[in-house]
Amino acid sequence: MDTVTELLKVLIPALLVMYAMYLVVRNFLQKQFDNRLLDLKIKNNETVLPIRLQAYERIALLLERISPNNMLIRLSDPSLSAFAFQQLLLKEIREEFNHNLSQQVYMSEDVWNKVKATVNDIVSAVQDSAQKMDDSKNAIDLAEEIFAYMIGLDRDPVGEALAMVRNETQHLF
């Protein structure tokens, strides 16, 4: 019994010291892991953040370029028929959108869905306005009808989408 007591006197402090050392080493390794993870996140942010910002810039440019206020003025040609102008507008919207499809990878699904909805709203504005045109109408008549259609929406789809893009961009910082 005396031997067991002596053995316990040695083993209990040794076990306590080993447990304390285990806790210290585990805490040290966890801090090292956390520091390396933080370094990795910082390096990743240094690489990915500029690419994401560029994607948001490109989407903002897409929205500005297909905005009826800008697109109609930029592409307006009074010598075109309303039908030819409609085709030109739809082609421009399609090309701009297809050129920026890859940017969806860098933004949230909500923002990308809003961008797609805005593109669809503008396509609908062009198509619905063109349906009201007859063969005697030209590009200026169609542009006026598209402006009237957009005013009749009582909302600005491009402005709403740009606000979402700006809002998400601000959350990056």
N, C-alpha and C. Protein backbone atom coordinates (compact mmCIF):
# COMPACT_ATOMS: atom_id res chain seq x y z
N MET A 1 0.81 -1.18 0.00
CA MET A 1 0.00 0.00 0.00
C MET A 1 0.86 1.25 0.00
N ASP A 2 1.96 1.15 0.74
CA ASP A 2 2.89 2.27 0.82
C ASP A 2 3.49 2.55 -0.56
N THR A 3 3.72 1.53 -1.32
CA THR A 3 4.27 1.68 -2.67
C THR A 3 3.25 2.33 -3.59
N VAL A 4 2.01 1.96 -3.46
CA VAL A 4 0.94 2.54 -4.30
C VAL A 4 0.81 4.02 -3.98
N THR A 5 0.87 4.38 -2.71
CA THR A 5 0.76 5.78 -2.32
C THR A 5 1.93 6.57 -2.88
N GLU A 6 3.12 6.02 -2.76
CA GLU A 6 4.30 6.70 -3.31
C GLU A 6 4.19 6.84 -4.83
N LEU A 7 3.69 5.79 -5.46
CA LEU A 7 3.52 5.84 -6.92
C LEU A 7 2.50 6.91 -7.31
N LEU A 8 1.40 7.00 -6.58
CA LEU A 8 0.39 8.02 -6.86
C LEU A 8 0.95 9.42 -6.60
N LYS A 9 1.78 9.59 -5.61
CA LYS A 9 2.38 10.89 -5.33
C LYS A 9 3.24 11.35 -6.50
N VAL A 10 3.82 10.44 -7.21
CA VAL A 10 4.66 10.77 -8.36
C VAL A 10 3.80 10.90 -9.63
N LEU A 11 2.88 9.96 -9.81
CA LEU A 11 2.09 9.94 -11.03
C LEU A 11 1.10 11.09 -11.14
N ILE A 12 0.43 11.44 -10.09
CA ILE A 12 -0.58 12.51 -10.16
C ILE A 12 0.06 13.84 -10.55
N PRO A 13 1.14 14.29 -9.92
CA PRO A 13 1.75 15.55 -10.38
C PRO A 13 2.29 15.42 -11.81
N ALA A 14 2.82 14.26 -12.16
CA ALA A 14 3.34 14.08 -13.52
C ALA A 14 2.20 14.16 -14.53
N LEU A 15 1.08 13.54 -14.23
CA LEU A 15 -0.07 13.61 -15.13
C LEU A 15 -0.61 15.04 -15.23
N LEU A 16 -0.64 15.74 -14.12
CA LEU A 16 -1.09 17.14 -14.15
C LEU A 16 -0.16 18.01 -14.99
N VAL A 17 1.13 17.78 -14.84
CA VAL A 17 2.11 18.53 -15.63
C VAL A 17 1.96 18.17 -17.11
N MET A 18 1.77 16.89 -17.41
CA MET A 18 1.59 16.49 -18.81
C MET A 18 0.31 17.10 -19.40
N TYR A 19 -0.77 17.11 -18.63
CA TYR A 19 -2.01 17.70 -19.11
C TYR A 19 -1.84 19.20 -19.34
N ALA A 20 -1.16 19.87 -18.43
CA ALA A 20 -0.90 21.30 -18.60
C ALA A 20 -0.06 21.54 -19.85
N MET A 21 0.94 20.72 -20.06
CA MET A 21 1.78 20.85 -21.25
C MET A 21 0.96 20.60 -22.52
N TYR A 22 0.06 19.62 -22.46
CA TYR A 22 -0.81 19.34 -23.59
C TYR A 22 -1.66 20.57 -23.92
N LEU A 23 -2.23 21.19 -22.90
CA LEU A 23 -3.05 22.39 -23.12
C LEU A 23 -2.22 23.53 -23.70
N VAL A 24 -1.02 23.73 -23.21
CA VAL A 24 -0.15 24.80 -23.71
C VAL A 24 0.23 24.54 -25.16
N VAL A 25 0.63 23.33 -25.48
CA VAL A 25 1.03 23.00 -26.85
C VAL A 25 -0.16 23.10 -27.79
N ARG A 26 -1.32 22.60 -27.36
CA ARG A 26 -2.52 22.69 -28.19
C ARG A 26 -2.89 24.15 -28.45
N ASN A 27 -2.82 24.98 -27.42
CA ASN A 27 -3.13 26.40 -27.57
C ASN A 27 -2.12 27.07 -28.52
N PHE A 28 -0.85 26.73 -28.37
CA PHE A 28 0.18 27.29 -29.24
C PHE A 28 -0.05 26.89 -30.70
N LEU A 29 -0.32 25.61 -30.92
CA LEU A 29 -0.55 25.13 -32.29
C LEU A 29 -1.81 25.76 -32.89
N GLN A 30 -2.86 25.94 -32.08
CA GLN A 30 -4.08 26.57 -32.57
C GLN A 30 -3.82 28.02 -32.98
N LYS A 31 -3.02 28.72 -32.19
CA LYS A 31 -2.67 30.11 -32.55
C LYS A 31 -1.83 30.15 -33.82
N GLN A 32 -0.93 29.21 -33.97
CA GLN A 32 -0.13 29.14 -35.19
C GLN A 32 -1.02 28.87 -36.40
N PHE A 33 -1.95 27.95 -36.24
CA PHE A 33 -2.88 27.63 -37.31
C PHE A 33 -3.74 28.86 -37.66
N ASP A 34 -4.24 29.53 -36.64
CA ASP A 34 -5.05 30.74 -36.87
C ASP A 34 -4.25 31.83 -37.58
N ASN A 35 -2.99 32.00 -37.18
CA ASN A 35 -2.14 33.00 -37.83
C ASN A 35 -1.89 32.66 -39.29
N ARG A 36 -1.63 31.40 -39.56
CA ARG A 36 -1.40 30.98 -40.95
C ARG A 36 -2.68 31.13 -41.78
N LEU A 37 -3.80 30.81 -41.18
CA LEU A 37 -5.09 30.98 -41.86
C LEU A 37 -5.34 32.45 -42.15
N LEU A 38 -5.04 33.32 -41.21
CA LEU A 38 -5.20 34.76 -41.42
C LEU A 38 -4.26 35.25 -42.52
N ASP A 39 -3.03 34.80 -42.52
CA ASP A 39 -2.09 35.17 -43.59
C ASP A 39 -2.60 34.71 -44.95
N LEU A 40 -3.14 33.49 -44.99
CA LEU A 40 -3.68 32.97 -46.24
C LEU A 40 -4.86 33.81 -46.71
N LYS A 41 -5.74 34.19 -45.79
CA LYS A 41 -6.89 35.02 -46.15
C LYS A 41 -6.43 36.38 -46.66
N ILE A 42 -5.42 36.95 -46.03
CA ILE A 42 -4.91 38.26 -46.46
C ILE A 42 -4.32 38.15 -47.86
N LYS A 43 -3.52 37.12 -48.11
CA LYS A 43 -2.94 36.93 -49.44
C LYS A 43 -4.03 36.67 -50.48
N ASN A 44 -5.02 35.88 -50.10
CA ASN A 44 -6.13 35.61 -51.00
C ASN A 44 -6.90 36.89 -51.30
N ASN A 45 -7.11 37.68 -50.30
CA ASN A 45 -7.81 38.96 -50.48
C ASN A 45 -7.02 39.89 -51.39
N GLU A 46 -5.71 39.89 -51.25
CA GLU A 46 -4.88 40.74 -52.10
C GLU A 46 -4.98 40.32 -53.56
N THR A 47 -5.22 39.05 -53.80
CA THR A 47 -5.33 38.54 -55.17
C THR A 47 -6.75 38.67 -55.70
N VAL A 48 -7.73 38.26 -54.91
CA VAL A 48 -9.10 38.17 -55.39
C VAL A 48 -9.82 39.52 -55.36
N LEU A 49 -9.54 40.35 -54.38
CA LEU A 49 -10.26 41.61 -54.25
C LEU A 49 -10.14 42.49 -55.50
N PRO A 50 -8.96 42.68 -56.06
CA PRO A 50 -8.90 43.49 -57.29
C PRO A 50 -9.69 42.89 -58.45
N ILE A 51 -9.71 41.57 -58.53
CA ILE A 51 -10.47 40.91 -59.60
C ILE A 51 -11.96 41.11 -59.39
N ARG A 52 -12.40 40.99 -58.14
CA ARG A 52 -13.82 41.20 -57.85
C ARG A 52 -14.22 42.64 -58.12
N LEU A 53 -13.37 43.58 -57.72
CA LEU A 53 -13.69 44.98 -57.98
C LEU A 53 -13.77 45.26 -59.48
N GLN A 54 -12.89 44.66 -60.23
CA GLN A 54 -12.92 44.82 -61.69
C GLN A 54 -14.22 44.23 -62.25
N ALA A 55 -14.68 43.12 -61.70
CA ALA A 55 -15.93 42.53 -62.15
C ALA A 55 -17.10 43.46 -61.88
N TYR A 56 -17.13 44.05 -60.70
CA TYR A 56 -18.20 45.00 -60.38
C TYR A 56 -18.13 46.24 -61.29
N GLU A 57 -16.92 46.67 -61.59
CA GLU A 57 -16.76 47.81 -62.51
C GLU A 57 -17.32 47.46 -63.89
N ARG A 58 -17.01 46.26 -64.34
CA ARG A 58 -17.48 45.85 -65.67
C ARG A 58 -19.00 45.72 -65.70
N ILE A 59 -19.59 45.23 -64.63
CA ILE A 59 -21.05 45.13 -64.58
C ILE A 59 -21.67 46.52 -64.53
N ALA A 60 -21.07 47.43 -63.78
CA ALA A 60 -21.57 48.80 -63.75
C ALA A 60 -21.49 49.42 -65.15
N LEU A 61 -20.41 49.16 -65.84
CA LEU A 61 -20.26 49.67 -67.20
C LEU A 61 -21.30 49.04 -68.13
N LEU A 62 -21.53 47.74 -67.99
CA LEU A 62 -22.57 47.07 -68.77
C LEU A 62 -23.91 47.77 -68.56
N LEU A 63 -24.27 47.98 -67.30
CA LEU A 63 -25.56 48.60 -67.00
C LEU A 63 -25.65 50.01 -67.57
N GLU A 64 -24.56 50.76 -67.48
CA GLU A 64 -24.57 52.12 -68.03
C GLU A 64 -24.67 52.09 -69.55
N ARG A 65 -23.99 51.15 -70.17
CA ARG A 65 -24.00 51.10 -71.64
C ARG A 65 -25.35 50.66 -72.21
N ILE A 66 -26.08 49.80 -71.48
CA ILE A 66 -27.38 49.36 -71.99
C ILE A 66 -28.53 50.21 -71.45
N SER A 67 -28.22 51.15 -70.59
CA SER A 67 -29.25 52.07 -70.11
C SER A 67 -29.84 52.80 -71.31
N PRO A 68 -31.16 52.84 -71.43
CA PRO A 68 -31.76 53.53 -72.58
C PRO A 68 -31.28 54.97 -72.73
N ASN A 69 -31.06 55.65 -71.63
CA ASN A 69 -30.58 57.04 -71.71
C ASN A 69 -29.27 57.13 -72.47
N ASN A 70 -28.39 56.19 -72.27
CA ASN A 70 -27.09 56.21 -72.94
C ASN A 70 -27.11 55.50 -74.29
N MET A 71 -27.73 54.33 -74.31
CA MET A 71 -27.69 53.51 -75.52
C MET A 71 -28.43 54.16 -76.69
N LEU A 72 -29.59 54.75 -76.41
CA LEU A 72 -30.37 55.35 -77.49
C LEU A 72 -29.65 56.55 -78.09
N ILE A 73 -29.02 57.33 -77.26
CA ILE A 73 -28.28 58.49 -77.76
C ILE A 73 -27.04 58.04 -78.53
N ARG A 74 -26.35 57.05 -78.00
CA ARG A 74 -25.12 56.57 -78.63
C ARG A 74 -25.38 55.92 -79.99
N LEU A 75 -26.46 55.18 -80.11
CA LEU A 75 -26.70 54.40 -81.32
C LEU A 75 -27.72 55.04 -82.27
N SER A 76 -28.33 56.12 -81.85
CA SER A 76 -29.40 56.73 -82.64
C SER A 76 -28.91 57.16 -84.02
N ASP A 77 -29.67 56.74 -85.03
CA ASP A 77 -29.38 57.10 -86.42
C ASP A 77 -30.72 57.32 -87.12
N PRO A 78 -31.10 58.57 -87.38
CA PRO A 78 -32.41 58.86 -87.96
C PRO A 78 -32.65 58.19 -89.31
N SER A 79 -31.59 57.78 -89.99
CA SER A 79 -31.76 57.15 -91.30
C SER A 79 -32.22 55.69 -91.18
N LEU A 80 -32.16 55.12 -89.98
CA LEU A 80 -32.59 53.73 -89.77
C LEU A 80 -34.10 53.66 -89.59
N SER A 81 -34.67 52.59 -90.06
CA SER A 81 -36.09 52.34 -89.79
C SER A 81 -36.22 51.90 -88.33
N ALA A 82 -37.43 51.94 -87.81
CA ALA A 82 -37.67 51.51 -86.43
C ALA A 82 -37.29 50.04 -86.26
N PHE A 83 -37.62 49.21 -87.25
CA PHE A 83 -37.28 47.79 -87.17
C PHE A 83 -35.76 47.58 -87.16
N ALA A 84 -35.04 48.28 -88.03
CA ALA A 84 -33.58 48.14 -88.08
C ALA A 84 -32.96 48.64 -86.78
N PHE A 85 -33.51 49.72 -86.23
CA PHE A 85 -32.99 50.26 -84.97
C PHE A 85 -33.26 49.28 -83.83
N GLN A 86 -34.42 48.65 -83.84
CA GLN A 86 -34.74 47.65 -82.83
C GLN A 86 -33.71 46.52 -82.88
N GLN A 87 -33.42 46.03 -84.07
CA GLN A 87 -32.46 44.95 -84.22
C GLN A 87 -31.07 45.38 -83.74
N LEU A 88 -30.69 46.62 -84.05
CA LEU A 88 -29.40 47.14 -83.61
C LEU A 88 -29.34 47.22 -82.08
N LEU A 89 -30.41 47.70 -81.46
CA LEU A 89 -30.44 47.81 -80.00
C LEU A 89 -30.37 46.44 -79.34
N LEU A 90 -31.15 45.50 -79.85
CA LEU A 90 -31.13 44.15 -79.26
C LEU A 90 -29.78 43.48 -79.44
N LYS A 91 -29.17 43.69 -80.57
CA LYS A 91 -27.84 43.13 -80.82
C LYS A 91 -26.82 43.74 -79.85
N GLU A 92 -26.89 45.04 -79.66
CA GLU A 92 -25.98 45.73 -78.73
C GLU A 92 -26.15 45.21 -77.30
N ILE A 93 -27.38 45.07 -76.86
CA ILE A 93 -27.66 44.57 -75.51
C ILE A 93 -27.12 43.15 -75.36
N ARG A 94 -27.41 42.30 -76.33
CA ARG A 94 -26.97 40.90 -76.30
C ARG A 94 -25.45 40.82 -76.27
N GLU A 95 -24.77 41.60 -77.10
CA GLU A 95 -23.30 41.57 -77.14
C GLU A 95 -22.70 42.06 -75.83
N GLU A 96 -23.24 43.15 -75.30
CA GLU A 96 -22.73 43.67 -74.02
C GLU A 96 -22.92 42.63 -72.91
N PHE A 97 -24.08 42.04 -72.86
CA PHE A 97 -24.37 41.06 -71.81
C PHE A 97 -23.48 39.83 -71.97
N ASN A 98 -23.38 39.29 -73.17
CA ASN A 98 -22.56 38.10 -73.40
C ASN A 98 -21.08 38.37 -73.12
N HIS A 99 -20.65 39.58 -73.37
CA HIS A 99 -19.25 39.95 -73.12
C HIS A 99 -18.94 39.93 -71.62
N ASN A 100 -19.95 40.11 -70.79
CA ASN A 100 -19.74 40.22 -69.34
C ASN A 100 -20.31 39.04 -68.55
N LEU A 101 -20.67 37.98 -69.22
CA LEU A 101 -21.25 36.82 -68.52
C LEU A 101 -20.34 36.23 -67.46
N SER A 102 -19.07 36.24 -67.70
CA SER A 102 -18.14 35.60 -66.75
C SER A 102 -18.04 36.36 -65.42
N GLN A 103 -18.52 37.57 -65.38
CA GLN A 103 -18.42 38.37 -64.15
C GLN A 103 -19.32 37.85 -63.04
N GLN A 104 -20.29 37.01 -63.41
CA GLN A 104 -21.21 36.48 -62.40
C GLN A 104 -20.49 35.65 -61.35
N VAL A 105 -19.33 35.14 -61.69
CA VAL A 105 -18.56 34.31 -60.76
C VAL A 105 -18.13 35.12 -59.52
N TYR A 106 -17.95 36.41 -59.69
CA TYR A 106 -17.38 37.24 -58.63
C TYR A 106 -18.41 37.98 -57.80
N MET A 107 -19.69 37.79 -58.06
CA MET A 107 -20.69 38.53 -57.30
C MET A 107 -21.75 37.58 -56.75
N SER A 108 -22.54 38.12 -55.85
CA SER A 108 -23.58 37.28 -55.24
C SER A 108 -24.66 36.95 -56.26
N GLU A 109 -25.38 35.91 -55.96
CA GLU A 109 -26.45 35.48 -56.86
C GLU A 109 -27.55 36.53 -56.94
N ASP A 110 -27.82 37.22 -55.83
CA ASP A 110 -28.85 38.26 -55.83
C ASP A 110 -28.51 39.39 -56.80
N VAL A 111 -27.27 39.84 -56.75
CA VAL A 111 -26.86 40.93 -57.64
C VAL A 111 -26.88 40.46 -59.09
N TRP A 112 -26.39 39.27 -59.35
CA TRP A 112 -26.38 38.78 -60.72
C TRP A 112 -27.80 38.63 -61.25
N ASN A 113 -28.71 38.13 -60.42
CA ASN A 113 -30.10 38.01 -60.84
C ASN A 113 -30.72 39.37 -61.12
N LYS A 114 -30.35 40.36 -60.34
CA LYS A 114 -30.85 41.72 -60.58
C LYS A 114 -30.31 42.26 -61.90
N VAL A 115 -29.06 42.00 -62.20
CA VAL A 115 -28.47 42.44 -63.47
C VAL A 115 -29.20 41.77 -64.63
N LYS A 116 -29.44 40.47 -64.53
CA LYS A 116 -30.16 39.76 -65.59
C LYS A 116 -31.57 40.31 -65.74
N ALA A 117 -32.24 40.57 -64.64
CA ALA A 117 -33.60 41.11 -64.70
C ALA A 117 -33.60 42.49 -65.35
N THR A 118 -32.59 43.28 -65.07
CA THR A 118 -32.49 44.61 -65.67
C THR A 118 -32.29 44.50 -67.17
N VAL A 119 -31.42 43.60 -67.59
CA VAL A 119 -31.21 43.38 -69.03
C VAL A 119 -32.53 42.96 -69.67
N ASN A 120 -33.24 42.06 -69.02
CA ASN A 120 -34.53 41.61 -69.56
C ASN A 120 -35.55 42.73 -69.61
N ASP A 121 -35.53 43.60 -68.60
CA ASP A 121 -36.44 44.76 -68.60
C ASP A 121 -36.17 45.67 -69.79
N ILE A 122 -34.92 45.89 -70.07
CA ILE A 122 -34.56 46.77 -71.19
C ILE A 122 -34.90 46.11 -72.52
N VAL A 123 -34.65 44.81 -72.64
CA VAL A 123 -35.04 44.09 -73.86
C VAL A 123 -36.55 44.17 -74.05
N SER A 124 -37.29 44.00 -72.97
CA SER A 124 -38.76 44.10 -73.05
C SER A 124 -39.18 45.50 -73.47
N ALA A 125 -38.51 46.52 -72.93
CA ALA A 125 -38.84 47.89 -73.30
C ALA A 125 -38.64 48.11 -74.80
N VAL A 126 -37.54 47.59 -75.33
CA VAL A 126 -37.26 47.74 -76.76
C VAL A 126 -38.29 46.98 -77.58
N GLN A 127 -38.57 45.74 -77.21
CA GLN A 127 -39.50 44.92 -77.98
C GLN A 127 -40.93 45.44 -77.91
N ASP A 128 -41.37 45.80 -76.70
CA ASP A 128 -42.74 46.32 -76.56
C ASP A 128 -42.91 47.64 -77.30
N SER A 129 -41.91 48.48 -77.24
CA SER A 129 -41.97 49.76 -77.95
C SER A 129 -41.96 49.55 -79.46
N ALA A 130 -41.18 48.59 -79.93
CA ALA A 130 -41.09 48.34 -81.36
C ALA A 130 -42.39 47.78 -81.92
N GLN A 131 -43.14 47.07 -81.09
CA GLN A 131 -44.42 46.53 -81.56
C GLN A 131 -45.42 47.63 -81.90
N LYS A 132 -45.23 48.80 -81.32
CA LYS A 132 -46.13 49.92 -81.57
C LYS A 132 -45.76 50.69 -82.84
N MET A 133 -44.65 50.31 -83.45
CA MET A 133 -44.15 51.03 -84.63
C MET A 133 -44.69 50.39 -85.90
N ASP A 134 -44.91 51.22 -86.91
CA ASP A 134 -45.24 50.69 -88.23
C ASP A 134 -44.07 50.97 -89.17
N ASP A 135 -44.21 50.59 -90.41
CA ASP A 135 -43.10 50.69 -91.37
C ASP A 135 -42.66 52.12 -91.65
N SER A 136 -43.51 53.09 -91.38
CA SER A 136 -43.16 54.49 -91.69
C SER A 136 -42.33 55.14 -90.59
N LYS A 137 -42.20 54.50 -89.45
CA LYS A 137 -41.49 55.08 -88.30
C LYS A 137 -39.99 54.83 -88.45
N ASN A 138 -39.22 55.78 -87.88
CA ASN A 138 -37.77 55.64 -87.94
C ASN A 138 -37.19 55.45 -86.54
N ALA A 139 -35.88 55.49 -86.44
CA ALA A 139 -35.18 55.23 -85.17
C ALA A 139 -35.55 56.25 -84.11
N ILE A 140 -35.73 57.49 -84.50
CA ILE A 140 -36.08 58.54 -83.52
C ILE A 140 -37.44 58.24 -82.90
N ASP A 141 -38.39 57.81 -83.71
CA ASP A 141 -39.72 57.47 -83.19
C ASP A 141 -39.63 56.32 -82.19
N LEU A 142 -38.84 55.32 -82.52
CA LEU A 142 -38.67 54.19 -81.61
C LEU A 142 -37.98 54.64 -80.32
N ALA A 143 -36.97 55.47 -80.43
CA ALA A 143 -36.28 55.97 -79.23
C ALA A 143 -37.24 56.72 -78.32
N GLU A 144 -38.08 57.56 -78.90
CA GLU A 144 -39.08 58.30 -78.11
C GLU A 144 -40.04 57.34 -77.41
N GLU A 145 -40.45 56.31 -78.13
CA GLU A 145 -41.37 55.33 -77.54
C GLU A 145 -40.69 54.56 -76.40
N ILE A 146 -39.43 54.24 -76.57
CA ILE A 146 -38.70 53.52 -75.51
C ILE A 146 -38.56 54.42 -74.28
N PHE A 147 -38.24 55.69 -74.48
CA PHE A 147 -38.16 56.62 -73.35
C PHE A 147 -39.52 56.71 -72.64
N ALA A 148 -40.59 56.79 -73.40
CA ALA A 148 -41.92 56.85 -72.80
C ALA A 148 -42.23 55.57 -72.02
N TYR A 149 -41.84 54.43 -72.56
CA TYR A 149 -42.05 53.15 -71.90
C TYR A 149 -41.30 53.13 -70.56
N MET A 150 -40.04 53.55 -70.57
CA MET A 150 -39.22 53.53 -69.34
C MET A 150 -39.78 54.49 -68.30
N ILE A 151 -40.27 55.63 -68.75
CA ILE A 151 -40.88 56.58 -67.80
C ILE A 151 -42.14 55.98 -67.21
N GLY A 152 -42.87 55.24 -68.02
CA GLY A 152 -44.10 54.60 -67.56
C GLY A 152 -43.89 53.48 -66.55
N LEU A 153 -42.68 52.98 -66.44
CA LEU A 153 -42.40 51.91 -65.48
C LEU A 153 -42.49 52.39 -64.02
N ASP A 154 -42.35 53.67 -63.80
CA ASP A 154 -42.35 54.25 -62.44
C ASP A 154 -41.21 53.72 -61.58
N ARG A 155 -40.20 53.20 -62.20
CA ARG A 155 -38.99 52.76 -61.49
C ARG A 155 -37.85 52.79 -62.49
N ASP A 156 -36.66 52.78 -61.97
CA ASP A 156 -35.48 52.80 -62.83
C ASP A 156 -34.72 51.49 -62.64
N PRO A 157 -34.94 50.52 -63.53
CA PRO A 157 -34.29 49.22 -63.34
C PRO A 157 -32.77 49.31 -63.33
N VAL A 158 -32.21 50.17 -64.19
CA VAL A 158 -30.75 50.31 -64.23
C VAL A 158 -30.25 50.92 -62.93
N GLY A 159 -30.94 51.94 -62.44
CA GLY A 159 -30.55 52.57 -61.18
C GLY A 159 -30.62 51.61 -60.01
N GLU A 160 -31.66 50.77 -59.99
CA GLU A 160 -31.80 49.79 -58.91
C GLU A 160 -30.65 48.77 -58.96
N ALA A 161 -30.33 48.31 -60.15
CA ALA A 161 -29.25 47.33 -60.29
C ALA A 161 -27.91 47.95 -59.91
N LEU A 162 -27.68 49.18 -60.34
CA LEU A 162 -26.43 49.86 -59.98
C LEU A 162 -26.34 50.06 -58.47
N ALA A 163 -27.45 50.37 -57.83
CA ALA A 163 -27.45 50.53 -56.37
C ALA A 163 -27.08 49.22 -55.69
N MET A 164 -27.60 48.09 -56.20
CA MET A 164 -27.23 46.79 -55.62
C MET A 164 -25.75 46.50 -55.82
N VAL A 165 -25.23 46.82 -57.00
CA VAL A 165 -23.81 46.60 -57.27
C VAL A 165 -22.97 47.45 -56.32
N ARG A 166 -23.32 48.72 -56.18
CA ARG A 166 -22.57 49.60 -55.27
C ARG A 166 -22.65 49.11 -53.83
N ASN A 167 -23.83 48.69 -53.41
CA ASN A 167 -24.02 48.21 -52.05
C ASN A 167 -23.15 46.98 -51.77
N GLU A 168 -23.15 46.04 -52.71
CA GLU A 168 -22.33 44.84 -52.50
C GLU A 168 -20.84 45.17 -52.55
N THR A 169 -20.47 46.11 -53.39
CA THR A 169 -19.07 46.52 -53.46
C THR A 169 -18.61 47.13 -52.15
N GLN A 170 -19.47 47.91 -51.53
CA GLN A 170 -19.12 48.53 -50.25
C GLN A 170 -18.92 47.49 -49.16
N HIS A 171 -19.61 46.36 -49.26
CA HIS A 171 -19.44 45.31 -48.25
C HIS A 171 -18.11 44.58 -48.37
N LEU A 172 -17.39 44.80 -49.46
CA LEU A 172 -16.09 44.16 -49.62
C LEU A 172 -15.04 44.79 -48.70
N PHE A 173 -15.29 45.99 -48.25
CA PHE A 173 -14.28 46.71 -47.46
C PHE A 173 -14.60 46.73 -46.00
